[in-house]
Protein backbone atom coordinates (compact mmCIF):
# COMPACT_ATOMS: atom_id res chain seq x y z
CA MET A 1 0.00 0.00 0.00
CA MET A 2 1.30 3.44 -0.94
CA GLU A 3 1.61 6.04 1.76
CA MET A 4 0.43 9.62 1.38
CA ASP A 5 -0.92 11.97 4.03
CA ALA A 6 -4.41 13.40 3.72
CA GLU A 7 -3.25 16.93 2.84
CA THR A 8 -1.03 15.75 -0.02
CA PHE A 9 -3.78 13.48 -1.36
CA GLU A 10 -6.32 16.32 -1.22
CA GLN A 11 -3.92 18.49 -3.24
CA LEU A 12 -3.57 15.70 -5.81
CA VAL A 13 -7.38 15.52 -6.12
CA THR A 14 -7.57 19.30 -6.50
CA ASP A 15 -4.85 19.25 -9.18
CA GLU A 16 -6.64 16.51 -11.12
CA LEU A 17 -9.95 18.33 -10.82
CA ASP A 18 -8.30 21.49 -12.17
CA ALA A 19 -6.89 19.46 -15.09
CA LEU A 20 -10.33 18.26 -16.25
CA PRO A 21 -11.84 19.92 -19.33
CA ASP A 22 -13.82 23.08 -18.56
CA ASP A 23 -16.94 21.80 -20.30
CA MET A 24 -16.98 18.80 -17.95
CA VAL A 25 -16.89 20.82 -14.73
CA GLU A 26 -18.66 24.05 -15.72
CA GLY A 27 -22.02 22.29 -15.76
CA LEU A 28 -21.72 20.99 -12.21
CA ASP A 29 -24.43 22.68 -10.19
CA ASN A 30 -24.65 22.47 -6.41
CA VAL A 31 -21.91 19.82 -6.16
CA VAL A 32 -19.04 19.70 -3.68
CA PHE A 33 -15.95 17.50 -3.81
CA VAL A 34 -14.93 15.75 -0.60
CA VAL A 35 -11.97 13.56 0.28
CA GLU A 36 -12.50 10.92 2.96
CA ASP A 37 -10.19 8.19 4.19
CA ARG A 38 -12.55 5.24 3.59
CA PRO A 39 -16.19 4.45 2.85
CA GLU A 40 -18.47 4.06 5.87
CA ASP A 41 -18.17 0.26 5.76
CA GLY A 42 -14.37 0.55 6.09
CA SER A 43 -13.69 -1.36 2.88
CA LEU A 44 -10.93 -0.64 0.39
CA ASP A 45 -13.07 -1.62 -2.62
CA LEU A 46 -14.79 1.70 -3.37
CA LEU A 47 -12.65 4.50 -4.85
CA GLY A 48 -15.34 7.16 -5.14
CA LEU A 49 -19.02 7.88 -4.75
CA TYR A 50 -21.55 10.27 -6.24
CA ASP A 51 -24.06 11.13 -3.53
CA GLY A 52 -26.93 13.13 -4.96
CA TRP A 53 -29.43 13.57 -7.76
CA ALA A 54 -28.22 13.11 -11.32
CA LEU A 55 -28.88 16.00 -13.67
CA THR A 56 -31.37 13.77 -15.49
CA GLU A 57 -33.34 13.41 -12.22
CA ARG A 58 -33.23 17.03 -11.10
CA ASP A 59 -36.99 17.42 -11.62
CA ARG A 60 -37.19 15.93 -8.12
CA TYR A 61 -34.63 18.42 -6.87
CA GLY A 62 -36.00 21.04 -4.51
CA VAL A 63 -35.06 24.59 -3.64
CA GLY A 64 -32.58 24.79 -0.78
CA GLU A 65 -31.26 21.26 -1.26
CA LEU A 66 -27.93 20.43 0.32
CA PRO A 67 -25.21 20.12 -2.30
CA ASP A 68 -24.62 16.80 -3.99
CA ARG A 69 -21.25 15.30 -3.08
CA ILE A 70 -18.55 13.60 -5.04
CA ILE A 71 -16.45 11.69 -2.55
CA VAL A 72 -12.94 10.45 -3.33
CA TYR A 73 -11.61 7.85 -0.89
CA ARG A 74 -7.91 8.17 -0.06
CA GLU A 75 -7.01 4.79 1.44
CA PRO A 76 -8.64 2.65 -1.28
CA HIS A 77 -6.73 4.65 -3.90
CA LEU A 78 -3.46 4.16 -2.03
CA ALA A 79 -4.16 0.43 -1.69
CA ALA A 80 -4.91 0.07 -5.41
CA CYS A 81 -1.87 1.93 -6.76
CA ASP A 82 1.83 1.13 -6.84
CA ASP A 83 3.27 4.57 -7.62
CA ALA A 84 2.44 8.26 -7.90
CA GLY A 85 1.75 8.14 -11.64
CA GLU A 86 -0.71 5.30 -11.27
CA LEU A 87 -2.34 7.10 -8.34
CA ARG A 88 -2.77 10.30 -10.37
CA ASP A 89 -4.33 8.32 -13.24
CA GLU A 90 -6.69 6.48 -10.89
CA VAL A 91 -7.82 9.70 -9.18
CA HIS A 92 -8.44 11.23 -12.63
CA THR A 93 -10.53 8.21 -13.67
CA THR A 94 -12.48 8.31 -10.40
CA LEU A 95 -13.30 11.99 -10.84
CA VAL A 96 -14.48 11.48 -14.43
CA HIS A 97 -16.52 8.43 -13.35
CA GLU A 98 -18.28 10.23 -10.49
CA ILE A 99 -18.87 13.42 -12.50
CA ALA A 100 -20.42 11.24 -15.21
CA HIS A 101 -22.94 10.00 -12.63
CA PHE A 102 -23.92 13.64 -12.02
CA TYR A 103 -24.71 13.89 -15.73
CA GLY A 104 -26.84 10.73 -15.55
CA ILE A 105 -24.39 8.27 -17.11
CA ASP A 106 -24.71 4.85 -15.46
CA ASP A 107 -22.01 2.27 -14.71
CA ASP A 108 -22.86 0.11 -17.74
CA ARG A 109 -22.30 3.03 -20.12
CA LEU A 110 -19.13 4.04 -18.26
CA HIS A 111 -17.79 0.50 -18.75
CA GLU A 112 -18.54 0.79 -22.48
CA LEU A 113 -16.67 4.08 -22.60
CA GLY A 114 -13.70 2.74 -20.62
CA TRP A 115 -14.23 4.88 -17.52
CA ALA A 116 -15.13 2.16 -15.04
């Protein structure tokens, strides 16, 4: 398992988020990005999570809703990667994957596109 403190990992996530195409992130409405150590169940299997209403389901979205969250899990990423380059690539893929869920793209389609 790679080692990286939380602050350094958060900076890596921020850098990868900044590197994404503008048209991918400009449409994000009421979404926050969060870094957590592990999922609630403590597993190392889940790299990220979109917690909210997809854009395609926003008709159910009310005024004053809390922001949707895209969560990136630090420890599962560190367990899955052997070096910094691989970690950066995996964080990038996780961000694209979870942002795609915001836009209503499901896991099956993400697999077809190579983002899962």
